[in-house]
PDB file of N, CA and C in Angstrom:
ATOM      1  N   MET A   1     128.167  88.538  95.065  1.00  0.00           N
ATOM      2  CA  MET A   1     128.211  87.849  93.751  1.00  0.00           C
ATOM      3  C   MET A   1     127.557  88.769  92.779  1.00  0.00           C
ATOM      4  N   ALA A   2     128.229  89.077  91.734  1.00  0.00           N
ATOM      5  CA  ALA A   2     127.686  90.120  90.695  1.00  0.00           C
ATOM      6  C   ALA A   2     126.738  89.293  89.744  1.00  0.00           C
ATOM      7  N   ILE A   3     125.621  89.867  89.377  1.00  0.00           N
ATOM      8  CA  ILE A   3     124.835  89.174  88.193  1.00  0.00           C
ATOM      9  C   ILE A   3     125.205  89.954  86.971  1.00  0.00           C
ATOM     10  N   ASN A   4     125.632  89.285  86.061  1.00  0.00           N
ATOM     11  CA  ASN A   4     125.921  89.837  84.719  1.00  0.00           C
ATOM     12  C   ASN A   4     124.899  89.900  83.799  1.00  0.00           C
ATOM     13  N   LEU A   5     124.334  91.035  83.415  1.00  0.00           N
ATOM     14  CA  LEU A   5     123.436  91.140  82.421  1.00  0.00           C
ATOM     15  C   LEU A   5     123.990  91.552  81.025  1.00  0.00           C
ATOM     16  N   SER A   6     123.382  91.100  80.064  1.00  0.00           N
ATOM     17  CA  SER A   6     123.716  91.629  78.723  1.00  0.00           C
ATOM     18  C   SER A   6     123.307  93.024  78.658  1.00  0.00           C
ATOM     19  N   PRO A   7     123.866  93.839  77.701  1.00  0.00           N
ATOM     20  CA  PRO A   7     123.368  95.179  77.540  1.00  0.00           C
ATOM     21  C   PRO A   7     121.895  95.173  77.133  1.00  0.00           C
ATOM     22  N   GLU A   8     121.372  94.273  76.364  1.00  0.00           N
ATOM     23  CA  GLU A   8     119.986  94.214  75.903  1.00  0.00           C
ATOM     24  C   GLU A   8     119.108  93.990  77.286  1.00  0.00           C
ATOM     25  N   GLU A   9     119.571  92.963  78.079  1.00  0.00           N
ATOM     26  CA  GLU A   9     118.770  92.689  79.329  1.00  0.00           C
ATOM     27  C   GLU A   9     118.599  93.870  80.131  1.00  0.00           C
ATOM     28  N   LYS A  10     119.772  94.491  80.429  1.00  0.00           N
ATOM     29  CA  LYS A  10     119.954  95.674  81.378  1.00  0.00           C
ATOM     30  C   LYS A  10     119.020  96.795  80.770  1.00  0.00           C
ATOM     31  N   LYS A  11     119.070  97.104  79.563  1.00  0.00           N
ATOM     32  CA  LYS A  11     118.281  98.134  78.940  1.00  0.00           C
ATOM     33  C   LYS A  11     116.826  97.855  79.127  1.00  0.00           C
ATOM     34  N   LEU A  12     116.361  96.573  79.012  1.00  0.00           N
ATOM     35  CA  LEU A  12     115.015  96.195  79.142  1.00  0.00           C
ATOM     36  C   LEU A  12     114.526  96.323  80.589  1.00  0.00           C
ATOM     37  N   LEU A  13     115.491  95.957  81.552  1.00  0.00           N
ATOM     38  CA  LEU A  13     115.136  96.073  82.903  1.00  0.00           C
ATOM     39  C   LEU A  13     114.992  97.508  83.415  1.00  0.00           C
ATOM     40  N   VAL A  14     115.940  98.301  82.932  1.00  0.00           N
ATOM     41  CA  VAL A  14     115.912  99.742  83.280  1.00  0.00           C
ATOM     42  C   VAL A  14     114.619 100.398  82.733  1.00  0.00           C
ATOM     43  N   GLN A  15     114.184 100.006  81.588  1.00  0.00           N
ATOM     44  CA  GLN A  15     112.870 100.418  81.020  1.00  0.00           C
ATOM     45  C   GLN A  15     111.671  99.949  81.958  1.00  0.00           C
ATOM     46  N   GLU A  16     111.770  98.709  82.503  1.00  0.00           N
ATOM     47  CA  GLU A  16     110.736  98.212  83.313  1.00  0.00           C
ATOM     48  C   GLU A  16     110.781  98.938  84.574  1.00  0.00           C
ATOM     49  N   VAL A  17     111.878  99.397  85.176  1.00  0.00           N
ATOM     50  CA  VAL A  17     111.961 100.094  86.364  1.00  0.00           C
ATOM     51  C   VAL A  17     111.246 101.437  86.131  1.00  0.00           C
ATOM     52  N   GLN A  18     111.594 102.100  84.914  1.00  0.00           N
ATOM     53  CA  GLN A  18     111.086 103.368  84.649  1.00  0.00           C
ATOM     54  C   GLN A  18     109.430 103.304  84.536  1.00  0.00           C
ATOM     55  N   THR A  19     109.029 102.141  83.921  1.00  0.00           N
ATOM     56  CA  THR A  19     107.614 101.903  83.671  1.00  0.00           C
ATOM     57  C   THR A  19     106.907 101.783  85.070  1.00  0.00           C
ATOM     58  N   PHE A  20     107.543 101.059  85.879  1.00  0.00           N
ATOM     59  CA  PHE A  20     107.003 100.721  87.271  1.00  0.00           C
ATOM     60  C   PHE A  20     106.761 102.224  87.970  1.00  0.00           C
ATOM     61  N   PHE A  21     107.852 102.968  88.031  1.00  0.00           N
ATOM     62  CA  PHE A  21     107.739 104.158  88.645  1.00  0.00           C
ATOM     63  C   PHE A  21     106.612 105.102  87.928  1.00  0.00           C
ATOM     64  N   GLU A  22     106.558 105.006  86.744  1.00  0.00           N
ATOM     65  CA  GLU A  22     105.556 105.834  86.059  1.00  0.00           C
ATOM     66  C   GLU A  22     104.103 105.354  86.320  1.00  0.00           C
ATOM     67  N   GLN A  23     103.839 104.077  86.246  1.00  0.00           N
ATOM     68  CA  GLN A  23     102.578 103.518  86.512  1.00  0.00           C
ATOM     69  C   GLN A  23     102.190 103.321  87.951  1.00  0.00           C
ATOM     70  N   GLU A  24     102.953 103.042  88.896  1.00  0.00           N
ATOM     71  CA  GLU A  24     102.757 102.792  90.155  1.00  0.00           C
ATOM     72  C   GLU A  24     102.844 104.014  91.135  1.00  0.00           C
ATOM     73  N   ARG A  25     103.825 104.890  90.806  1.00  0.00           N
ATOM     74  CA  ARG A  25     104.003 105.998  91.622  1.00  0.00           C
ATOM     75  C   ARG A  25     103.822 107.400  90.928  1.00  0.00           C
ATOM     76  N   GLU A  26     103.481 107.341  89.620  1.00  0.00           N
ATOM     77  CA  GLU A  26     103.247 108.482  88.832  1.00  0.00           C
ATOM     78  C   GLU A  26     104.298 109.431  88.948  1.00  0.00           C
ATOM     79  N   GLU A  27     105.571 108.819  88.900  1.00  0.00           N
ATOM     80  CA  GLU A  27     106.784 109.639  88.829  1.00  0.00           C
ATOM     81  C   GLU A  27     107.677 109.158  87.635  1.00  0.00           C
ATOM     82  N   THR A  28     108.335 110.213  87.040  1.00  0.00           N
ATOM     83  CA  THR A  28     109.102 110.098  85.988  1.00  0.00           C
ATOM     84  C   THR A  28     110.573 110.027  86.411  1.00  0.00           C
ATOM     85  N   ILE A  29     111.218 108.868  86.199  1.00  0.00           N
ATOM     86  CA  ILE A  29     112.742 108.838  86.528  1.00  0.00           C
ATOM     87  C   ILE A  29     113.510 108.656  85.293  1.00  0.00           C
ATOM     88  N   GLY A  30     114.625 109.145  85.302  1.00  0.00           N
ATOM     89  CA  GLY A  30     115.672 108.938  84.239  1.00  0.00           C
ATOM     90  C   GLY A  30     116.296 107.775  84.274  1.00  0.00           C
ATOM     91  N   VAL A  31     117.086 107.477  83.183  1.00  0.00           N
ATOM     92  CA  VAL A  31     117.837 106.240  82.992  1.00  0.00           C
ATOM     93  C   VAL A  31     118.837 105.951  84.062  1.00  0.00           C
ATOM     94  N   ILE A  32     119.543 107.133  84.432  1.00  0.00           N
ATOM     95  CA  ILE A  32     120.657 106.850  85.606  1.00  0.00           C
ATOM     96  C   ILE A  32     119.916 106.516  86.899  1.00  0.00           C
ATOM     97  N   ALA A  33     118.845 107.082  87.315  1.00  0.00           N
ATOM     98  CA  ALA A  33     118.086 106.752  88.534  1.00  0.00           C
ATOM     99  C   ALA A  33     117.665 105.304  88.441  1.00  0.00           C
ATOM    100  N   ALA A  34     117.020 104.954  87.180  1.00  0.00           N
ATOM    101  CA  ALA A  34     116.550 103.488  87.010  1.00  0.00           C
ATOM    102  C   ALA A  34     117.697 102.560  87.175  1.00  0.00           C
ATOM    103  N   GLU A  35     118.939 102.912  86.540  1.00  0.00           N
ATOM    104  CA  GLU A  35     120.032 101.992  86.580  1.00  0.00           C
ATOM    105  C   GLU A  35     120.475 101.818  88.069  1.00  0.00           C
ATOM    106  N   ASN A  36     120.468 103.014  88.763  1.00  0.00           N
ATOM    107  CA  ASN A  36     120.884 102.892  90.195  1.00  0.00           C
ATOM    108  C   ASN A  36     119.867 101.920  90.994  1.00  0.00           C
ATOM    109  N   ILE A  37     118.514 102.098  90.659  1.00  0.00           N
ATOM    110  CA  ILE A  37     117.667 101.332  91.383  1.00  0.00           C
ATOM    111  C   ILE A  37     117.849  99.711  90.995  1.00  0.00           C
ATOM    112  N   LEU A  38     118.083  99.554  89.709  1.00  0.00           N
ATOM    113  CA  LEU A  38     118.352  98.102  89.328  1.00  0.00           C
ATOM    114  C   LEU A  38     119.557  97.633  89.989  1.00  0.00           C
ATOM    115  N   ASP A  39     120.665  98.315  89.932  1.00  0.00           N
ATOM    116  CA  ASP A  39     121.863  97.883  90.581  1.00  0.00           C
ATOM    117  C   ASP A  39     121.702  97.657  92.038  1.00  0.00           C
ATOM    118  N   PHE A  40     120.872  98.411  92.777  1.00  0.00           N
ATOM    119  CA  PHE A  40     120.597  98.236  94.103  1.00  0.00           C
ATOM    120  C   PHE A  40     120.034  96.937  94.273  1.00  0.00           C
ATOM    121  N   PHE A  41     118.846  96.666  93.646  1.00  0.00           N
ATOM    122  CA  PHE A  41     118.216  95.354  93.777  1.00  0.00           C
ATOM    123  C   PHE A  41     119.006  94.229  93.403  1.00  0.00           C
ATOM    124  N   LEU A  42     119.816  94.400  92.366  1.00  0.00           N
ATOM    125  CA  LEU A  42     120.676  93.164  91.944  1.00  0.00           C
ATOM    126  C   LEU A  42     121.707  92.878  92.999  1.00  0.00           C
ATOM    127  N   ASN A  43     122.183  93.890  93.617  1.00  0.00           N
ATOM    128  CA  ASN A  43     123.287  93.687  94.597  1.00  0.00           C
ATOM    129  C   ASN A  43     122.775  93.330  95.779  1.00  0.00           C
ATOM    130  N   ASN A  44     121.653  93.627  96.177  1.00  0.00           N
ATOM    131  CA  ASN A  44     121.071  93.300  97.595  1.00  0.00           C
ATOM    132  C   ASN A  44     120.081  92.066  97.553  1.00  0.00           C
ATOM    133  N   LEU A  45     119.413  91.810  96.413  1.00  0.00           N
ATOM    134  CA  LEU A  45     118.476  90.677  96.402  1.00  0.00           C
ATOM    135  C   LEU A  45     119.050  89.556  95.473  1.00  0.00           C
ATOM    136  N   GLY A  46     119.941  89.876  94.513  1.00  0.00           N
ATOM    137  CA  GLY A  46     120.475  88.896  93.509  1.00  0.00           C
ATOM    138  C   GLY A  46     120.870  87.652  94.158  1.00  0.00           C
ATOM    139  N   THR A  47     121.769  87.696  95.138  1.00  0.00           N
ATOM    140  CA  THR A  47     122.208  86.520  95.776  1.00  0.00           C
ATOM    141  C   THR A  47     121.146  85.778  96.443  1.00  0.00           C
ATOM    142  N   VAL A  48     120.252  86.372  97.073  1.00  0.00           N
ATOM    143  CA  VAL A  48     119.150  85.562  97.841  1.00  0.00           C
ATOM    144  C   VAL A  48     118.329  84.969  96.794  1.00  0.00           C
ATOM    145  N   ILE A  49     118.036  85.558  95.651  1.00  0.00           N
ATOM    146  CA  ILE A  49     117.187  84.868  94.652  1.00  0.00           C
ATOM    147  C   ILE A  49     117.908  83.835  93.947  1.00  0.00           C
ATOM    148  N   TYR A  50     119.225  84.060  93.679  1.00  0.00           N
ATOM    149  CA  TYR A  50     120.012  82.956  93.185  1.00  0.00           C
ATOM    150  C   TYR A  50     120.145  81.744  93.958  1.00  0.00           C
ATOM    151  N   ASN A  51     120.312  82.027  95.223  1.00  0.00           N
ATOM    152  CA  ASN A  51     120.450  80.756  96.322  1.00  0.00           C
ATOM    153  C   ASN A  51     119.085  80.107  96.289  1.00  0.00           C
ATOM    154  N   LYS A  52     118.036  80.769  96.392  1.00  0.00           N
ATOM    155  CA  LYS A  52     116.630  80.175  96.350  1.00  0.00           C
ATOM    156  C   LYS A  52     116.482  79.446  95.081  1.00  0.00           C
ATOM    157  N   ALA A  53     116.880  79.856  94.001  1.00  0.00           N
ATOM    158  CA  ALA A  53     116.746  79.061  92.662  1.00  0.00           C
ATOM    159  C   ALA A  53     117.538  77.766  92.783  1.00  0.00           C
ATOM    160  N   LEU A  54     118.741  77.914  93.372  1.00  0.00           N
ATOM    161  CA  LEU A  54     119.519  76.619  93.556  1.00  0.00           C
ATOM    162  C   LEU A  54     118.832  75.727  94.432  1.00  0.00           C
ATOM    163  N   ASP A  55     118.262  76.089  95.579  1.00  0.00           N
ATOM    164  CA  ASP A  55     117.511  75.341  96.502  1.00  0.00           C
ATOM    165  C   ASP A  55     116.373  74.583  95.699  1.00  0.00           C
ATOM    166  N   ASP A  56     115.608  75.452  94.976  1.00  0.00           N
ATOM    167  CA  ASP A  56     114.485  74.808  94.336  1.00  0.00           C
ATOM    168  C   ASP A  56     115.041  73.851  93.220  1.00  0.00           C
ATOM    169  N   ALA A  57     116.121  74.110  92.511  1.00  0.00           N
ATOM    170  CA  ALA A  57     116.684  73.166  91.639  1.00  0.00           C
ATOM    171  C   ALA A  57     117.159  71.797  92.213  1.00  0.00           C
ATOM    172  N   ARG A  58     117.709  71.938  93.504  1.00  0.00           N
ATOM    173  CA  ARG A  58     118.235  70.696  94.095  1.00  0.00           C
ATOM    174  C   ARG A  58     117.000  69.897  94.611  1.00  0.00           C
ATOM    175  N   VAL A  59     115.855  70.453  95.094  1.00  0.00           N
ATOM    176  CA  VAL A  59     114.745  69.700  95.349  1.00  0.00           C
ATOM    177  C   VAL A  59     114.179  69.040  94.149  1.00  0.00           C
ATOM    178  N   TRP A  60     113.966  69.783  93.033  1.00  0.00           N
ATOM    179  CA  TRP A  60     113.584  69.183  91.837  1.00  0.00           C
ATOM    180  C   TRP A  60     114.437  67.920  91.312  1.00  0.00           C
ATOM    181  N   PHE A  61     115.744  68.222  91.374  1.00  0.00           N
ATOM    182  CA  PHE A  61     116.693  67.153  90.908  1.00  0.00           C
ATOM    183  C   PHE A  61     116.545  65.919  91.840  1.00  0.00           C
ATOM    184  N   SER A  62     116.462  66.235  93.201  1.00  0.00           N
ATOM    185  CA  SER A  62     116.432  65.047  94.073  1.00  0.00           C
ATOM    186  C   SER A  62     115.206  64.203  93.841  1.00  0.00           C
ATOM    187  N   LYS A  63     114.074  64.725  93.501  1.00  0.00           N
ATOM    188  CA  LYS A  63     112.828  64.074  93.149  1.00  0.00           C
ATOM    189  C   LYS A  63     113.052  63.313  91.881  1.00  0.00           C
ATOM    190  N   LYS A  64     113.634  63.935  90.996  1.00  0.00           N
ATOM    191  CA  LYS A  64     113.926  63.181  89.609  1.00  0.00           C
ATOM    192  C   LYS A  64     114.901  62.073  89.868  1.00  0.00           C
ATOM    193  N   MET A  65     115.885  62.179  90.786  1.00  0.00           N
ATOM    194  CA  MET A  65     116.771  61.034  91.060  1.00  0.00           C
ATOM    195  C   MET A  65     116.022  59.941  91.766  1.00  0.00           C
ATOM    196  N   GLU A  66     115.108  60.193  92.649  1.00  0.00           N
ATOM    197  CA  GLU A  66     114.216  59.324  93.248  1.00  0.00           C
ATOM    198  C   GLU A  66     113.560  58.458  92.234  1.00  0.00           C
ATOM    199  N   ASN A  67     112.906  59.149  91.361  1.00  0.00           N
ATOM    200  CA  ASN A  67     112.083  58.504  90.274  1.00  0.00           C
ATOM    201  C   ASN A  67     113.059  57.576  89.488  1.00  0.00           C
ATOM    202  N   LEU A  68     114.293  57.968  89.116  1.00  0.00           N
ATOM    203  CA  LEU A  68     115.168  57.287  88.360  1.00  0.00           C
ATOM    204  C   LEU A  68     115.621  56.057  89.103  1.00  0.00           C
ATOM    205  N   GLU A  69     115.781  56.065  90.305  1.00  0.00           N
ATOM    206  CA  GLU A  69     116.073  54.905  91.283  1.00  0.00           C
ATOM    207  C   GLU A  69     114.984  53.955  91.097  1.00  0.00           C
ATOM    208  N   THR A  70     113.720  54.331  91.275  1.00  0.00           N
ATOM    209  CA  THR A  70     112.621  53.511  91.044  1.00  0.00           C
ATOM    210  C   THR A  70     112.556  52.806  89.767  1.00  0.00           C
ATOM    211  N   ASP A  71     112.860  53.541  88.638  1.00  0.00           N
ATOM    212  CA  ASP A  71     112.767  53.055  87.400  1.00  0.00           C
ATOM    213  C   ASP A  71     113.882  51.989  87.173  1.00  0.00           C
ATOM    214  N   PHE A  72     115.045  52.316  87.668  1.00  0.00           N
ATOM    215  CA  PHE A  72     116.130  51.278  87.616  1.00  0.00           C
ATOM    216  C   PHE A  72     115.615  49.969  88.312  1.00  0.00           C
ATOM    217  N   ASP A  73     115.098  50.133  89.433  1.00  0.00           N
ATOM    218  CA  ASP A  73     114.779  49.014  90.198  1.00  0.00           C
ATOM    219  C   ASP A  73     113.699  48.055  89.340  1.00  0.00           C
ATOM    220  N   LEU A  74     112.826  48.775  88.629  1.00  0.00           N
ATOM    221  CA  LEU A  74     111.889  48.080  87.976  1.00  0.00           C
ATOM    222  C   LEU A  74     112.580  47.340  86.745  1.00  0.00           C
ATOM    223  N   LEU A  75     113.693  47.669  86.265  1.00  0.00           N
ATOM    224  CA  LEU A  75     114.300  47.134  85.128  1.00  0.00           C
ATOM    225  C   LEU A  75     115.090  45.736  85.624  1.00  0.00           C
ATOM    226  N   TYR A  76     115.274  45.536  86.855  1.00  0.00           N
ATOM    227  CA  TYR A  76     115.914  44.212  87.271  1.00  0.00           C
ATOM    228  C   TYR A  76     115.114  43.114  86.977  1.00  0.00           C
ATOM    229  N   ARG A  77     115.784  42.125  86.487  1.00  0.00           N
ATOM    230  CA  ARG A  77     115.111  40.891  86.304  1.00  0.00           C
ATOM    231  C   ARG A  77     115.414  39.891  87.253  1.00  0.00           C
ATOM    232  N   TYR A  78     114.468  39.026  87.624  1.00  0.00           N
ATOM    233  CA  TYR A  78     114.676  38.020  88.708  1.00  0.00           C
ATOM    234  C   TYR A  78     114.391  36.735  88.068  1.00  0.00           C
ATOM    235  N   ARG A  79     115.296  35.740  88.418  1.00  0.00           N
ATOM    236  CA  ARG A  79     115.033  34.318  87.890  1.00  0.00           C
ATOM    237  C   ARG A  79     113.982  33.707  88.559  1.00  0.00           C
ATOM    238  N   GLU A  80     113.040  33.212  87.775  1.00  0.00           N
ATOM    239  CA  GLU A  80     111.872  32.621  88.290  1.00  0.00           C
ATOM    240  C   GLU A  80     112.288  31.177  89.070  1.00  0.00           C
ATOM    241  N   LYS A  81     111.611  30.937  90.062  1.00  0.00           N
ATOM    242  CA  LYS A  81     112.062  29.630  90.886  1.00  0.00           C
ATOM    243  C   LYS A  81     111.079  28.531  90.559  1.00  0.00           C
TER     244      LYS A  81
END
């Protein structure tokens, strides 16, 4: 699954990769090298991160649905005997 980035997002992330290498490894890398690194991580980790986000969203949504069921139950009116 390909992750589509806007040109602005890709440019920013490429700069982040370059900054990381400069600050953490004291290495200067060019735009092409940074793009290759970014592409590697997007291709190899993107699907895993995407699926994890879906799992997290599913858990969050399930909890919201449970709360909704409780709220609906509280709305029922019962005839007094």
